[in-house]
Amino acid sequence: MAEIVVAEAIERLRLTAPVRAVPERDDAVVVTLSAAGRSADTLKPVCDLRTIVAAFLVLDFDVPRPRSLTSPERLQRIAAAMRLAARLEPAETEQMRSFRIEAAGSDSRVFQELSRRLAESAGMTAVPGSGACVLRVRRAPAGYGWQVLIRLSPRPLSVRPWRVAGFPGALNATVAAAAVRMSRPRRTDRVLNLMCGSGTLLVERLLICGAAHAAGVDHDREVLRASDHNLSAAGVREHVQLHLADVNDGWAGQGSYDVIFADPPWGDKVRTPEDAFALHRMLLHRAAELATPKARLVIITHRVKIMRRCLAEPSGRWRLIEEKRVWAKGHHPRIYLLHRQDNRPLLANYRP
């Protein structure tokens, strides 16, 4: 999701240099902020990004080995960054009271000594394996020197505070935020979430950008109750209409919708490929019936081959605009952005 992350960083942060890739890593980028590291106010906007899993403050040290990090001036620099990360947390939580070091050989005498000294300098307790403040120690990508990376939050940023009602198989919030950005949201949109589940896509859509109207539909009363709780915790419940209905049973909606989201079930809930094909085909058909003439449809699914079968049908009403492969919970779902169209060949724009 690098393109999506970079676009959000450029839009929301005050950058003083172009966003850079990390050598030999395809899951991270480096951003440079004005007055980076000097205050919590400078770093707080980074933790507010919605498409990243974690943010780390990067400290570079021109030293040949980790043992050199235990010198007083380097210890103080690392400890100051740890205390800065702790100040980013709300005062009522105070989770950053402990820390842990993640590094190759983290149980060695060198890292044990570094951990002991950092505990004294930062005023935190070293808790191997579960400390809240995460320090990653690694060789510098340039080949000489070492880096210490301090995570700016005690938990991954994908763990949203609004998720007060859990639900098995709920969509990862970071993936949902990326899907929302792919939909090119506008405040004038009428938004619909088919099979809305516990409300992840609706919450992320309304937190990123308001809407003229928003609705969620699911046939499971318990699931809708979870969605109600999460929307309320996010402070957007009053902007959403929730409907207890089966989308395949004639639910007519309330007018037409400019943006439609769907995260169809998978795994044990869809037992055979033909069941999955019928489900995806139905979703595309119902979405077309509920859509405005130039609507955008975003579907997040693991069933790549089945989506291709559905999109290849000559009677289809959706044209593929963009496809993103993401990693989530050990799986690789794809996010599909589709535009509604008349009956025309659908794969002209398709790039596998």
Protein backbone atom coordinates (compact mmCIF):
# COMPACT_ATOMS: atom_id res chain seq x y z
CA MET A 1 0.00 0.00 0.00
CA ALA A 2 3.02 2.28 -0.41
CA GLU A 3 1.32 4.60 -2.91
CA ILE A 4 -1.65 5.10 -0.61
CA VAL A 5 0.55 5.69 2.46
CA VAL A 6 2.77 8.17 0.60
CA ALA A 7 -0.25 10.09 -0.68
CA GLU A 8 -1.70 10.37 2.83
CA ALA A 9 1.66 11.43 4.30
CA ILE A 10 2.10 14.17 1.70
CA GLU A 11 -1.45 15.35 2.26
CA ARG A 12 -1.42 15.42 6.06
CA LEU A 13 2.18 15.99 7.19
CA ARG A 14 4.56 18.90 6.88
CA LEU A 15 7.41 17.20 5.05
CA THR A 16 10.79 18.78 4.44
CA ALA A 17 12.05 16.16 1.97
CA PRO A 18 10.59 13.64 -0.49
CA VAL A 19 9.29 10.38 0.95
CA ARG A 20 11.98 7.71 0.62
CA ALA A 21 11.86 3.95 0.27
CA VAL A 22 13.76 1.77 2.75
CA PRO A 23 16.46 -0.38 1.09
CA GLU A 24 15.53 -4.08 1.03
CA ARG A 25 12.12 -3.38 2.59
CA ASP A 26 8.81 -3.19 0.76
CA ASP A 27 6.67 -2.54 3.85
CA ALA A 28 8.02 0.81 5.03
CA VAL A 29 8.87 4.33 3.90
CA VAL A 30 10.83 7.16 5.54
CA VAL A 31 9.40 10.64 5.97
CA THR A 32 11.27 13.70 7.20
CA LEU A 33 9.33 16.23 9.28
CA SER A 34 10.07 19.82 10.07
CA ALA A 35 11.69 19.98 13.51
CA ALA A 36 11.40 16.18 13.64
CA GLY A 37 11.73 14.74 17.10
CA ARG A 38 11.73 18.04 18.98
CA SER A 39 8.19 17.97 20.31
CA ALA A 40 5.13 15.80 20.73
CA ASP A 41 3.17 18.31 18.64
CA THR A 42 5.43 17.58 15.68
CA LEU A 43 4.96 13.80 15.90
CA LYS A 44 1.29 13.57 16.84
CA PRO A 45 0.06 14.00 13.23
CA VAL A 46 2.09 10.93 12.24
CA CYS A 47 0.15 8.82 14.73
CA ASP A 48 -3.07 10.19 13.26
CA LEU A 49 -2.35 8.68 9.83
CA ARG A 50 -4.99 6.05 9.10
CA THR A 51 -3.28 3.89 6.47
CA ILE A 52 -0.15 2.93 8.44
CA VAL A 53 0.25 0.10 10.93
CA ALA A 54 2.97 1.73 13.00
CA ALA A 55 5.20 4.81 13.15
CA PHE A 56 8.77 4.80 14.43
CA LEU A 57 11.13 7.64 15.27
CA VAL A 58 14.48 6.80 13.64
CA LEU A 59 17.75 7.57 15.44
CA ASP A 60 20.97 7.12 13.48
CA PHE A 61 24.25 6.37 15.24
CA ASP A 62 27.63 6.38 13.53
CA VAL A 63 28.98 3.48 15.59
CA PRO A 64 30.47 0.11 14.59
CA ARG A 65 28.51 -2.09 17.02
CA PRO A 66 25.54 -1.97 19.44
CA ARG A 67 27.84 -1.93 22.48
CA SER A 68 28.70 1.67 21.60
CA LEU A 69 25.08 2.68 22.20
CA THR A 70 25.62 2.40 25.95
CA SER A 71 27.79 5.53 26.08
CA PRO A 72 26.17 8.29 28.19
CA GLU A 73 25.43 10.74 25.36
CA ARG A 74 23.87 8.06 23.14
CA LEU A 75 21.86 6.63 26.03
CA GLN A 76 20.45 10.06 26.80
CA ARG A 77 19.45 10.55 23.17
CA ILE A 78 17.59 7.23 23.07
CA ALA A 79 15.98 7.81 26.50
CA ALA A 80 14.79 11.27 25.45
CA ALA A 81 13.12 9.75 22.37
CA MET A 82 11.43 7.11 24.56
CA ARG A 83 10.05 9.79 26.88
CA LEU A 84 8.87 11.76 23.84
CA ALA A 85 6.95 8.70 22.60
CA ALA A 86 5.38 8.34 26.04
CA ARG A 87 4.14 11.96 25.91
CA LEU A 88 2.16 11.16 22.75
CA GLU A 89 -0.14 8.91 24.77
CA PRO A 90 -3.23 10.43 26.42
CA ALA A 91 -2.56 11.24 30.06
CA GLU A 92 -5.38 9.00 31.26
CA THR A 93 -3.86 5.85 29.70
CA GLU A 94 -0.16 6.11 30.63
CA GLN A 95 0.66 2.87 28.86
CA MET A 96 4.28 3.75 28.06
CA ARG A 97 5.72 2.74 31.42
CA SER A 98 7.63 -0.26 30.12
CA PHE A 99 9.78 -1.03 27.09
CA ARG A 100 11.31 -3.92 25.18
CA ILE A 101 14.18 -4.25 22.72
CA GLU A 102 13.64 -6.11 19.46
CA ALA A 103 16.91 -7.03 17.79
CA ALA A 104 18.92 -9.98 16.63
CA GLY A 105 20.59 -11.29 19.77
CA SER A 106 18.36 -9.24 22.06
CA ASP A 107 19.07 -11.72 24.88
CA SER A 108 22.84 -11.15 24.66
CA ARG A 109 24.86 -9.45 27.40
CA VAL A 110 25.26 -6.34 25.25
CA PHE A 111 21.51 -5.81 24.89
CA GLN A 112 20.85 -6.78 28.49
CA GLU A 113 23.26 -4.05 29.56
CA LEU A 114 21.70 -1.57 27.13
CA SER A 115 18.26 -2.44 28.48
CA ARG A 116 19.38 -1.97 32.09
CA ARG A 117 20.90 1.43 31.41
CA LEU A 118 17.92 2.61 29.38
CA ALA A 119 15.60 1.66 32.24
CA GLU A 120 17.57 3.97 34.50
CA SER A 121 17.83 6.82 31.96
CA ALA A 122 14.24 6.74 30.66
CA GLY A 123 12.52 5.88 33.94
CA MET A 124 10.79 2.87 32.41
CA THR A 125 10.74 -0.82 33.27
CA ALA A 126 12.37 -3.26 30.88
CA VAL A 127 9.90 -6.08 30.12
CA PRO A 128 11.32 -8.42 27.45
CA GLY A 129 8.70 -9.60 24.98
CA SER A 130 5.83 -7.41 26.14
CA GLY A 131 7.04 -3.91 27.03
CA ALA A 132 4.81 -1.15 25.66
CA CYS A 133 7.52 1.07 24.18
CA VAL A 134 9.13 -0.92 21.36
CA LEU A 135 12.78 -0.30 20.43
CA ARG A 136 14.14 -1.93 17.29
CA VAL A 137 17.90 -1.97 16.92
CA ARG A 138 19.25 -2.74 13.45
CA ARG A 139 22.14 -2.06 11.12
CA ALA A 140 21.79 1.16 9.15
CA PRO A 141 20.56 0.56 5.58
CA ALA A 142 23.63 2.40 4.25
CA GLY A 143 25.82 -0.44 5.50
CA TYR A 144 27.72 1.31 8.31
CA GLY A 145 26.39 2.36 11.68
CA TRP A 146 23.29 1.38 13.62
CA GLN A 147 19.75 2.63 13.98
CA VAL A 148 17.42 2.64 16.96
CA LEU A 149 13.74 2.85 16.01
CA ILE A 150 11.27 3.87 18.75
CA ARG A 151 7.63 3.04 18.07
CA LEU A 152 5.43 6.03 18.78
CA SER A 153 2.45 4.06 20.09
CA PRO A 154 2.15 1.19 22.60
CA ARG A 155 -0.01 -0.80 20.17
CA PRO A 156 -0.16 -0.90 16.37
CA LEU A 157 -2.12 2.04 14.98
CA SER A 158 -4.42 -0.42 13.22
CA VAL A 159 -5.86 -1.19 16.68
CA ARG A 160 -8.42 1.59 16.69
CA PRO A 161 -9.80 3.00 19.97
CA TRP A 162 -13.31 3.04 18.50
CA ARG A 163 -13.40 -0.76 18.13
CA VAL A 164 -15.27 -1.46 21.36
CA ALA A 165 -17.30 -4.36 19.94
CA GLY A 166 -15.22 -7.18 18.52
CA PHE A 167 -16.40 -9.46 15.75
CA PRO A 168 -14.69 -12.58 14.33
CA GLY A 169 -13.26 -11.84 10.91
CA ALA A 170 -13.68 -8.07 11.23
CA LEU A 171 -11.80 -6.14 8.57
CA ASN A 172 -8.42 -4.69 9.49
CA ALA A 173 -8.97 -0.96 10.01
CA THR A 174 -5.80 0.03 8.15
CA VAL A 175 -6.93 -1.93 5.10
CA ALA A 176 -10.37 -0.33 5.42
CA ALA A 177 -8.82 3.15 5.50
CA ALA A 178 -6.84 2.34 2.35
CA ALA A 179 -10.01 1.12 0.64
CA VAL A 180 -11.77 4.34 1.60
CA ARG A 181 -8.99 6.46 0.10
CA MET A 182 -9.13 4.39 -3.09
CA SER A 183 -12.83 5.27 -3.37
CA ARG A 184 -11.90 8.96 -3.77
CA PRO A 185 -14.28 10.17 -1.06
CA ARG A 186 -16.25 13.40 -1.31
CA ARG A 187 -18.48 15.03 1.28
CA THR A 188 -21.35 15.06 -1.19
CA ASP A 189 -21.31 11.25 -1.59
CA ARG A 190 -24.23 9.02 -0.71
CA VAL A 191 -22.48 6.01 0.81
CA LEU A 192 -23.69 2.44 1.23
CA ASN A 193 -21.96 -0.50 2.92
CA LEU A 194 -23.41 -3.86 1.88
CA MET A 195 -22.84 -6.66 4.42
CA CYS A 196 -21.50 -3.99 6.76
CA GLY A 197 -20.52 -6.35 9.59
CA SER A 198 -19.23 -4.53 12.66
CA GLY A 199 -18.97 -1.20 10.83
CA THR A 200 -15.24 -0.89 10.09
CA LEU A 201 -15.65 0.53 6.58
CA LEU A 202 -18.40 2.92 7.66
CA VAL A 203 -16.38 4.26 10.58
CA GLU A 204 -13.24 4.77 8.50
CA ARG A 205 -15.21 6.42 5.69
CA LEU A 206 -16.87 8.93 7.97
CA LEU A 207 -13.71 9.70 9.97
CA ILE A 208 -11.74 10.38 6.79
CA CYS A 209 -14.50 12.36 5.10
CA GLY A 210 -18.12 13.13 5.88
CA ALA A 211 -20.97 12.15 3.57
CA ALA A 212 -24.33 13.48 2.46
CA HIS A 213 -25.87 10.17 3.52
CA ALA A 214 -24.45 6.90 4.87
CA ALA A 215 -26.13 3.52 5.33
CA GLY A 216 -25.12 0.03 6.37
CA VAL A 217 -26.99 -3.21 5.69
CA ASP A 218 -26.58 -6.64 7.28
CA HIS A 219 -28.91 -9.56 7.90
CA ASP A 220 -27.43 -10.41 11.33
CA ARG A 221 -28.96 -8.53 14.27
CA GLU A 222 -25.97 -9.20 16.57
CA VAL A 223 -23.56 -7.92 13.95
CA LEU A 224 -25.58 -4.73 13.54
CA ARG A 225 -25.49 -4.26 17.30
CA ALA A 226 -21.69 -4.41 17.18
CA SER A 227 -21.71 -1.91 14.32
CA ASP A 228 -23.93 0.39 16.38
CA HIS A 229 -21.49 0.29 19.32
CA ASN A 230 -18.42 0.95 17.14
CA LEU A 231 -20.05 3.80 15.24
CA SER A 232 -21.10 5.35 18.56
CA ALA A 233 -17.59 5.02 20.00
CA ALA A 234 -16.20 6.74 16.90
CA GLY A 235 -18.67 9.60 17.31
CA VAL A 236 -20.34 9.09 13.91
CA ARG A 237 -23.43 7.03 14.79
CA GLU A 238 -25.85 9.87 14.15
CA HIS A 239 -24.66 10.09 10.53
CA VAL A 240 -25.43 6.45 9.66
CA GLN A 241 -28.66 4.55 9.05
CA LEU A 242 -28.36 0.84 9.84
CA HIS A 243 -30.76 -1.59 8.17
CA LEU A 244 -31.49 -5.16 9.23
CA ALA A 245 -32.02 -6.80 5.83
CA ASP A 246 -30.71 -9.41 3.40
CA VAL A 247 -29.18 -7.59 0.42
CA ASN A 248 -30.20 -10.51 -1.81
CA ASP A 249 -33.83 -10.39 -0.75
CA GLY A 250 -35.14 -7.30 -2.48
CA TRP A 251 -33.80 -4.60 -0.12
CA ALA A 252 -34.38 -1.46 -2.19
CA GLY A 253 -32.29 1.05 -0.27
CA GLN A 254 -33.18 4.73 0.05
CA GLY A 255 -32.43 6.26 -3.32
CA SER A 256 -29.23 5.63 -5.28
CA TYR A 257 -25.69 5.61 -3.91
CA ASP A 258 -22.49 7.21 -5.23
CA VAL A 259 -20.08 4.96 -3.32
CA ILE A 260 -20.73 1.36 -2.31
CA PHE A 261 -18.46 -0.79 -0.14
CA ALA A 262 -18.56 -4.54 0.38
CA ASP A 263 -16.35 -6.92 2.35
CA PRO A 264 -17.95 -10.31 1.62
CA PRO A 265 -17.46 -13.18 4.08
CA TRP A 266 -14.96 -15.92 3.40
CA GLY A 267 -13.62 -19.10 5.00
CA ASP A 268 -16.20 -21.34 6.69
CA LYS A 269 -19.02 -18.96 5.82
CA VAL A 270 -18.53 -19.62 2.10
CA ARG A 271 -17.83 -23.33 1.81
CA THR A 272 -17.40 -23.95 -1.92
CA PRO A 273 -16.04 -21.97 -4.91
CA GLU A 274 -19.49 -21.98 -6.47
CA ASP A 275 -21.00 -20.53 -3.29
CA ALA A 276 -18.37 -17.79 -3.40
CA PHE A 277 -19.02 -17.16 -7.09
CA ALA A 278 -22.75 -16.84 -6.50
CA LEU A 279 -22.13 -14.45 -3.57
CA HIS A 280 -19.75 -12.17 -5.51
CA ARG A 281 -21.97 -12.20 -8.58
CA MET A 282 -24.96 -11.27 -6.45
CA LEU A 283 -23.03 -8.42 -4.80
CA LEU A 284 -22.03 -6.94 -8.16
CA HIS A 285 -25.61 -7.24 -9.43
CA ARG A 286 -27.24 -5.70 -6.34
CA ALA A 287 -24.64 -2.93 -6.19
CA ALA A 288 -25.41 -2.03 -9.81
CA GLU A 289 -29.12 -1.83 -8.99
CA LEU A 290 -28.47 0.49 -6.05
CA ALA A 291 -25.81 2.67 -7.71
CA THR A 292 -25.95 6.05 -9.41
CA PRO A 293 -24.85 6.03 -13.08
CA LYS A 294 -21.21 6.95 -12.26
CA ALA A 295 -20.92 5.22 -8.88
CA ARG A 296 -17.73 3.76 -7.41
CA LEU A 297 -17.80 0.27 -5.92
CA VAL A 298 -15.06 -0.98 -3.60
CA ILE A 299 -14.90 -4.71 -2.85
CA ILE A 300 -12.35 -6.29 -0.52
CA THR A 301 -12.04 -10.03 -1.08
CA HIS A 302 -9.69 -12.99 -0.97
CA ARG A 303 -11.41 -14.65 -3.92
CA VAL A 304 -9.25 -13.27 -6.72
CA LYS A 305 -10.06 -15.87 -9.39
CA ILE A 306 -13.74 -15.62 -8.63
CA MET A 307 -13.69 -11.84 -8.92
CA ARG A 308 -12.04 -12.19 -12.32
CA ARG A 309 -14.77 -14.61 -13.41
CA CYS A 310 -17.47 -12.19 -12.29
CA LEU A 311 -15.86 -9.17 -13.92
CA ALA A 312 -15.39 -11.07 -17.19
CA GLU A 313 -19.09 -11.74 -17.61
CA PRO A 314 -20.37 -9.80 -20.65
CA SER A 315 -23.56 -8.80 -18.84
CA GLY A 316 -21.64 -7.10 -16.04
CA ARG A 317 -22.15 -3.43 -15.16
CA TRP A 318 -18.78 -2.64 -13.53
CA ARG A 319 -15.42 -1.62 -15.00
CA LEU A 320 -12.21 -2.32 -13.09
CA ILE A 321 -10.24 0.85 -12.34
CA GLU A 322 -7.70 -0.24 -9.74
CA GLU A 323 -6.65 -3.36 -7.86
CA LYS A 324 -4.46 -3.45 -4.73
CA ARG A 325 -3.00 -6.56 -3.13
CA VAL A 326 -2.55 -6.18 0.64
CA TRP A 327 -1.38 -8.28 3.56
CA ALA A 328 -3.75 -8.85 6.48
CA LYS A 329 -3.63 -11.49 9.21
CA GLY A 330 -1.53 -13.85 7.12
CA HIS A 331 -3.78 -13.50 4.07
CA HIS A 332 -3.49 -11.47 0.89
CA PRO A 333 -6.88 -9.99 0.03
CA ARG A 334 -7.29 -7.53 -2.80
CA ILE A 335 -9.08 -4.22 -2.90
CA TYR A 336 -10.99 -3.63 -6.12
CA LEU A 337 -12.12 -0.19 -7.24
CA LEU A 338 -14.86 -0.45 -9.87
CA HIS A 339 -16.89 2.14 -11.78
CA ARG A 340 -20.45 1.55 -12.91
CA GLN A 341 -20.96 1.45 -16.65
CA ASP A 342 -23.37 0.22 -19.32
CA ASN A 343 -23.04 -3.27 -20.77
CA ARG A 344 -19.55 -3.11 -22.29
CA PRO A 345 -16.44 -5.34 -22.08
CA LEU A 346 -15.10 -5.04 -18.56
CA LEU A 347 -11.44 -6.04 -18.79
CA ALA A 348 -10.14 -3.36 -21.15
CA ASN A 349 -8.48 -1.59 -18.22
CA TYR A 350 -7.49 -4.73 -16.37
CA ARG A 351 -3.80 -5.14 -15.46
CA PRO A 352 -3.09 -8.32 -13.40
